[in-house]
Amino acid sequence: MARRKEGIILPTNVLWSYSANKEGLHPVKIRIIHQKVAKYYTVITPQKEKLFLSEKDYNYIIETPIQKLRGKNRLIRSVIDDAVHAAKEAISEATSGGKSPFSFSLFERKYLGADASRNFLAYFEGHIKKLKKKGQA
């Protein structure tokens, strides 16, 4: 039985121009491509908000070297770079450093957290258990 070659999985940042918010800004996303299947994950700021930019601002922030960026633009660039770095780390953890095959479900658990794949009922039960331990339920 022939083994399938995995290939290199590199996350890249993308301006999602297919949708826009009320101000006309587009969300910034991380693209993961594995075996010709692409999935997109929204970049979240430290304030737990989605990152939205105009096409002009996105191109300026991405194309300009980080040393020349100042103020808010530099912070936005660092948020994008941190999201890409976190995705690379999650890919490495999901594949055990390239020793096991890649799967989107395992990547999502590592990148988004264990709670991402859980449904509301499981989350609610966990919350009730925490309250019972504290004696509040």
Protein backbone atom coordinates (compact mmCIF):
# COMPACT_ATOMS: atom_id res chain seq x y z
CA MET A 1 0.00 0.00 0.00
CA ALA A 2 1.49 3.31 -1.05
CA ARG A 3 1.72 6.10 1.49
CA ARG A 4 0.26 9.41 0.51
CA LYS A 5 2.66 12.31 0.71
CA GLU A 6 1.37 14.98 3.08
CA GLY A 7 3.19 17.98 1.71
CA ILE A 8 3.84 21.24 3.46
CA ILE A 9 0.93 22.99 5.18
CA LEU A 10 1.59 26.71 5.56
CA PRO A 11 -0.95 29.17 6.95
CA THR A 12 -1.26 32.49 5.13
CA ASN A 13 -3.22 35.64 5.90
CA VAL A 14 -5.93 36.74 3.49
CA LEU A 15 -8.30 39.68 3.23
CA TRP A 16 -11.74 38.12 2.78
CA SER A 17 -13.20 40.44 0.14
CA TYR A 18 -16.37 38.36 -0.31
CA SER A 19 -18.05 40.00 2.66
CA ALA A 20 -17.95 43.37 4.37
CA ASN A 21 -19.36 44.95 7.51
CA LYS A 22 -21.49 48.11 7.68
CA GLU A 23 -18.43 50.34 7.33
CA GLY A 24 -17.31 48.52 4.17
CA LEU A 25 -14.35 46.81 5.85
CA HIS A 26 -13.43 43.19 5.12
CA PRO A 27 -12.43 40.51 7.66
CA VAL A 28 -8.84 39.28 7.80
CA LYS A 29 -8.58 35.49 7.84
CA ILE A 30 -5.97 32.75 8.04
CA ARG A 31 -6.04 30.27 5.13
CA ILE A 32 -4.97 26.66 5.65
CA ILE A 33 -4.69 24.47 2.53
CA HIS A 34 -4.38 20.70 2.88
CA GLN A 35 -4.77 18.31 -0.07
CA LYS A 36 -6.47 20.96 -2.22
CA VAL A 37 -9.01 21.77 0.51
CA ALA A 38 -8.87 25.31 1.88
CA LYS A 39 -10.37 26.39 5.19
CA TYR A 40 -10.44 29.92 6.55
CA TYR A 41 -10.23 31.05 10.18
CA THR A 42 -10.95 34.58 11.36
CA VAL A 43 -8.16 36.61 12.98
CA ILE A 44 -9.20 37.65 16.48
CA THR A 45 -7.72 40.71 18.23
CA PRO A 46 -6.59 40.59 21.89
CA GLN A 47 -9.91 42.30 22.76
CA LYS A 48 -11.70 39.18 21.36
CA GLU A 49 -13.03 41.04 18.31
CA LYS A 50 -12.74 40.09 14.65
CA LEU A 51 -10.16 42.07 12.68
CA PHE A 52 -11.62 44.14 9.81
CA LEU A 53 -9.58 46.25 7.35
CA SER A 54 -10.06 48.05 4.05
CA GLU A 55 -8.21 46.68 1.02
CA LYS A 56 -5.94 49.74 0.96
CA ASP A 57 -5.02 49.42 4.66
CA TYR A 58 -4.50 45.66 4.39
CA ASN A 59 -2.16 45.99 1.41
CA TYR A 60 -0.20 48.77 3.13
CA ILE A 61 0.16 46.83 6.40
CA ILE A 62 1.16 43.55 4.74
CA GLU A 63 3.54 44.96 2.11
CA THR A 64 5.36 47.44 4.37
CA PRO A 65 8.27 46.06 6.44
CA ILE A 66 7.31 45.91 10.11
CA GLN A 67 10.18 48.23 11.08
CA LYS A 68 8.57 51.07 9.08
CA LEU A 69 5.08 50.62 10.54
CA ARG A 70 4.07 52.84 13.44
CA GLY A 71 1.28 52.98 16.00
CA LYS A 72 -1.97 51.21 15.20
CA ASN A 73 -0.67 49.75 11.93
CA ARG A 74 2.21 48.05 13.74
CA LEU A 75 -0.20 46.59 16.32
CA ILE A 76 -2.47 45.26 13.57
CA ARG A 77 0.51 43.69 11.79
CA SER A 78 1.66 42.02 15.01
CA VAL A 79 -1.87 40.63 15.60
CA ILE A 80 -1.88 39.14 12.08
CA ASP A 81 1.65 37.74 12.46
CA ASP A 82 0.78 36.27 15.87
CA ALA A 83 -2.29 34.55 14.39
CA VAL A 84 -0.19 33.01 11.60
CA HIS A 85 2.43 31.91 14.15
CA ALA A 86 -0.26 30.36 16.39
CA ALA A 87 -1.63 28.48 13.36
CA LYS A 88 1.87 27.17 12.53
CA GLU A 89 2.29 25.96 16.12
CA ALA A 90 -1.14 24.30 16.06
CA ILE A 91 -0.22 22.51 12.81
CA SER A 92 3.02 21.32 14.38
CA GLU A 93 1.17 20.07 17.48
CA ALA A 94 -1.59 18.45 15.42
CA THR A 95 0.93 16.54 13.32
CA SER A 96 3.33 15.80 16.21
CA GLY A 97 6.07 17.70 14.43
CA GLY A 98 5.29 16.12 11.06
CA LYS A 99 5.20 12.53 12.33
CA SER A 100 1.46 11.97 12.01
CA PRO A 101 -1.01 12.94 9.25
CA PHE A 102 -2.75 16.31 9.32
CA SER A 103 -6.48 16.62 9.96
CA PHE A 104 -8.56 19.77 10.14
CA SER A 105 -10.49 18.53 13.19
CA LEU A 106 -7.32 18.06 15.23
CA PHE A 107 -5.92 21.37 13.96
CA GLU A 108 -9.12 23.18 15.01
CA ARG A 109 -8.92 21.65 18.50
CA LYS A 110 -5.33 22.87 18.87
CA TYR A 111 -5.83 26.28 17.21
CA LEU A 112 -9.30 27.25 18.44
CA GLY A 113 -9.16 25.34 21.73
CA ALA A 114 -10.82 22.21 23.03
CA ASP A 115 -14.16 23.97 23.53
CA ALA A 116 -14.50 24.76 19.81
CA SER A 117 -15.70 21.28 18.92
CA ARG A 118 -18.01 20.93 21.90
CA ASN A 119 -21.70 21.66 21.65
CA PHE A 120 -23.74 23.88 23.93
CA LEU A 121 -25.03 21.01 26.05
CA ALA A 122 -21.53 19.79 26.91
CA TYR A 123 -20.47 23.34 27.76
CA PHE A 124 -23.56 23.82 29.96
CA GLU A 125 -22.91 20.55 31.83
CA GLY A 126 -19.32 21.61 32.48
CA HIS A 127 -20.51 24.95 33.83
CA ILE A 128 -23.00 23.23 36.17
CA LYS A 129 -20.21 20.95 37.48
CA LYS A 130 -18.05 23.99 38.25
CA LEU A 131 -20.93 25.62 40.12
CA LYS A 132 -21.58 22.43 42.13
CA LYS A 133 -17.92 22.31 43.17
CA LYS A 134 -18.25 25.86 44.49
CA GLY A 135 -21.52 24.97 46.22
CA GLN A 136 -23.52 27.45 44.17
CA ALA A 137 -25.84 24.98 42.40
